[in-house]
Protein backbone atom coordinates (compact mmCIF):
# COMPACT_ATOMS: atom_id res chain seq x y z
CA MET A 1 7.50 129.96 -51.55
CA GLY A 2 10.83 131.08 -53.10
CA ALA A 3 13.12 129.75 -55.81
CA VAL A 4 14.36 126.80 -55.32
CA ARG A 5 19.19 127.70 -56.04
CA PRO A 6 20.38 124.60 -56.69
CA VAL A 7 24.01 124.53 -55.80
CA VAL A 8 26.87 122.65 -56.25
CA VAL A 9 30.32 124.55 -54.87
CA LEU A 10 29.48 125.48 -51.47
CA PRO A 11 31.44 128.84 -50.74
CA GLY A 12 33.73 129.41 -47.93
CA ARG A 13 34.21 126.06 -45.98
CA VAL A 14 36.91 124.85 -47.03
CA ASN A 15 35.94 122.25 -45.23
CA GLY A 16 32.93 121.38 -46.11
CA LYS A 17 32.59 119.12 -49.50
CA TYR A 18 28.99 118.03 -51.68
CA ILE A 19 29.37 115.33 -53.68
CA ILE A 20 29.86 117.57 -57.00
CA GLU A 21 31.62 119.19 -56.34
CA ARG A 22 34.79 116.38 -54.54
CA LEU A 23 34.28 114.30 -57.58
CA SER A 24 34.78 117.35 -59.96
CA SER A 25 37.94 118.09 -58.40
CA GLU A 26 39.93 114.24 -58.36
CA PHE A 27 38.67 114.72 -62.05
CA MET A 28 40.26 117.89 -62.55
CA PHE A 29 42.96 116.69 -60.60
CA VAL A 30 43.18 113.48 -62.69
CA LEU A 31 43.06 115.80 -65.32
CA GLY A 32 46.06 117.54 -64.55
CA GLY A 33 48.52 113.78 -64.36
CA LEU A 34 47.14 112.35 -66.99
CA GLY A 35 48.26 115.50 -69.21
CA ILE A 36 51.47 115.82 -67.30
CA VAL A 37 52.45 112.60 -67.95
CA VAL A 38 50.76 112.35 -71.85
CA MET A 39 53.13 115.26 -72.25
CA ASP A 40 56.12 113.22 -71.09
CA ARG A 41 55.55 110.04 -72.55
CA ASN A 42 54.61 110.84 -76.16
CA HIS A 43 56.05 113.28 -78.92
CA ALA A 44 53.10 113.85 -81.32
CA ARG A 45 52.19 117.15 -81.23
CA SER A 46 49.18 116.53 -81.53
CA LEU A 47 49.67 113.93 -78.28
CA ALA A 48 51.44 116.68 -77.30
CA SER A 49 49.11 119.72 -77.79
CA PHE A 50 46.32 116.88 -75.84
CA GLY A 51 48.30 117.65 -72.52
CA ILE A 52 49.62 120.83 -73.04
CA SER A 53 45.68 121.33 -72.87
CA ALA A 54 44.39 119.42 -70.38
CA THR A 55 47.51 120.76 -67.88
CA VAL A 56 46.09 124.13 -68.57
CA ILE A 57 42.45 123.54 -68.47
CA ALA A 58 42.94 121.19 -65.51
CA TYR A 59 45.27 124.04 -63.53
CA ILE A 60 42.30 127.11 -64.67
CA MET A 61 39.43 124.68 -63.03
CA SER A 62 41.47 123.74 -59.25
CA MET A 63 42.57 127.96 -59.10
CA LEU A 64 38.14 127.92 -60.19
CA PHE A 65 37.18 126.33 -57.41
CA ILE A 66 40.22 127.78 -55.59
CA ARG A 67 38.83 130.86 -55.18
CA ILE A 68 35.32 129.41 -55.03
CA LYS A 69 36.14 128.03 -51.69
CA ILE A 70 38.32 131.32 -50.16
CA PRO A 71 37.25 134.20 -51.89
CA ALA A 72 40.20 136.33 -51.07
CA TYR A 73 43.06 133.59 -52.12
CA LEU A 74 45.96 134.82 -53.16
CA ARG A 75 44.57 138.77 -53.48
């Protein structure tokens, strides 16, 4: 019997999702939206840097999810 490897993201199937994949992608969308709201509402330097970093992290992670799901996306 071979070793069992846990899989979080279901690669190659756009409509097929696991629960953890759905929750983590929803969290990235919420993080990106929260970053934009924080950048819009606050003028403090520390909060603006949090907003920028949250938006950038959410974008990078969302693109990572898309590239796992669709390997030839934007290439």
